[in-house]
Structures are given as C-alpha cells and as structure tokens.
Protein backbone atom coordinates (compact mmCIF):
# COMPACT_ATOMS: atom_id res chain seq x y z
CA MET A 1 113.15 117.52 113.80
CA GLN A 2 110.47 114.93 112.95
CA THR A 3 111.41 111.35 112.13
CA GLN A 4 110.36 109.82 108.80
CA PRO A 5 109.53 106.15 108.12
CA THR A 6 112.05 104.06 106.21
CA GLU A 7 111.04 101.98 103.17
CA GLU A 8 111.59 98.79 105.20
CA PHE A 9 109.34 100.07 108.00
CA VAL A 10 106.55 100.95 105.54
CA ARG A 11 106.92 97.52 103.86
CA VAL A 12 106.57 95.70 107.20
CA VAL A 13 103.56 97.83 108.18
CA GLN A 14 101.97 97.09 104.77
CA GLU A 15 102.43 93.36 105.29
CA ARG A 16 100.96 93.49 108.81
CA VAL A 17 97.94 95.51 107.68
CA GLU A 18 97.24 93.05 104.85
CA GLU A 19 97.55 90.10 107.25
CA PHE A 20 95.19 91.80 109.71
CA LEU A 21 92.58 92.57 107.03
CA GLU A 22 92.78 89.06 105.56
CA GLU A 23 92.17 87.67 109.05
CA CYS A 24 89.09 89.89 109.29
CA THR A 25 87.70 88.35 106.10
CA THR A 26 87.72 84.91 107.72
CA GLN A 27 85.00 85.97 110.18
CA ARG A 28 81.61 84.80 108.88
CA VAL A 29 79.64 87.61 110.54
CA LEU A 30 78.27 90.95 109.36
CA LEU A 31 80.32 92.93 111.89
CA PRO A 32 83.74 91.26 112.17
CA THR A 33 85.21 91.82 115.62
CA ALA A 34 87.92 94.51 115.86
CA CYS A 35 87.85 95.05 112.08
CA PRO A 36 87.51 98.35 110.21
CA PHE A 37 84.51 97.16 108.19
CA GLY A 38 81.16 95.52 108.59
CA PHE A 39 77.55 95.97 107.67
CA GLU A 40 74.36 96.17 109.69
CA VAL A 41 71.08 94.97 108.22
CA ASP A 42 67.53 95.22 109.47
CA HIS A 43 66.64 91.92 107.85
CA ARG A 44 67.52 88.36 108.60
CA ILE A 45 70.22 86.68 106.54
CA THR A 46 69.89 83.03 105.61
CA THR A 47 73.55 82.31 104.84
CA GLU A 48 76.74 83.43 106.49
CA PRO A 49 78.46 86.39 104.84
CA GLU A 50 81.72 85.79 103.00
CA TRP A 51 84.01 88.81 103.02
CA SER A 52 86.69 89.55 100.46
CA ILE A 53 89.01 92.44 99.74
CA ALA A 54 89.44 93.04 96.03
CA ARG A 55 92.41 95.38 96.45
CA HIS A 56 94.35 96.12 99.61
CA PRO A 57 94.96 99.76 100.45
CA SER A 58 98.40 101.17 99.91
CA VAL A 59 99.50 102.00 103.43
CA GLU A 60 100.98 105.35 104.29
CA VAL A 61 102.75 105.79 107.59
CA ALA A 62 102.92 109.27 109.07
CA PRO A 63 104.69 110.51 112.18
CA ASP A 64 102.37 111.48 115.01
CA GLY A 65 104.48 113.02 117.74
CA ALA A 66 106.39 110.16 119.34
CA HIS A 67 104.16 107.60 117.58
CA TRP A 68 103.10 106.58 114.08
CA GLN A 69 99.70 106.69 112.45
CA ILE A 70 98.12 105.19 109.34
CA PRO A 71 95.83 107.83 107.87
CA ARG A 72 92.44 106.57 106.65
CA PRO A 73 90.61 105.46 104.48
CA MET A 74 90.60 101.71 104.88
CA PRO A 75 89.35 99.17 102.32
CA SER A 76 85.79 98.71 101.21
CA PRO A 77 85.36 94.96 101.31
CA THR A 78 82.44 93.18 99.74
CA SER A 79 80.33 90.45 101.20
CA THR A 80 78.15 87.77 99.70
CA SER A 81 75.21 86.44 101.67
CA THR A 82 71.53 85.68 101.26
CA CYS A 83 69.06 88.06 102.86
CA SER A 84 65.48 87.32 103.69
CA ARG A 85 62.53 89.68 103.95
CA SER A 86 59.21 88.05 104.69
CA SER A 87 59.12 84.85 102.63
CA THR A 88 61.34 86.19 99.82
CA ALA A 89 65.06 85.42 99.75
CA ARG A 90 67.41 86.93 97.21
CA SER A 91 71.16 87.00 96.80
CA CYS A 92 72.82 90.22 97.88
CA ARG A 93 76.25 91.00 96.52
CA SER A 94 77.81 94.14 97.94
CA ALA A 95 78.78 95.80 101.18
CA ARG A 96 75.30 97.40 101.07
CA MET A 97 73.39 94.21 101.79
CA CYS A 98 69.59 94.45 101.62
CA PRO A 99 69.21 98.08 102.71
CA SER A 100 65.83 99.54 103.60
CA GLY A 101 63.64 96.66 102.48
CA SER A 102 65.21 96.21 99.05
CA THR A 103 67.68 93.63 97.82
CA ALA A 104 70.43 93.67 95.26
CA PRO A 105 69.99 91.39 92.25
C-alpha cells in the first residue's frame, strides 16, 4: 500500500516551494545559486538582472518509495537586464536574454 499526501502536507510544500523560489529571485545574477532557473549569455551585461516569477507553479507531491517527489516542470521566470554587444546596449526583457548576437527590443 502506497501512502498519499494530505491536503495540509501539499499546502505546506506549496508554501515552502514559493518561499524558495522567491528567495531565488533576490539573487542579482544570471545563474542564481541552487535555483531551478538561470540564463547563460555570451555577451556582457551592463546592469544586474532582476528576476521575477509571474505565476508560481501549482505543486504536486507524489510518493516515491519511502520518499516524496515534486514532478517537474518548474517556473519560467523572467529577467530584466541590459546587454551589451560591441558598443551597442539594448534592453533585454525575457529569460532569453541577448541570444546569439541579437537583442530583444
């Protein structure tokens, strides 16, 4: 017989996941440490990224033998920063910041 999570357990896990993700958004780097999101760029950025999560994921908790797991996917946060390529700097607004030599308007 496999155990099932209670509503209270799922609620507490949801709260903890949201707290964890919000803490990740406070890191002003492209690859927040120990966080499930980030973005690598080949170009230099001229301002620190500012992460935000528009909508938190609805957490599901599933039994995994004697443990619990949270099946993926995780959120797709966005970041705002200014990228620079050569002498041109433009604002980039998305998780896909300045890919392959181009910039977002």
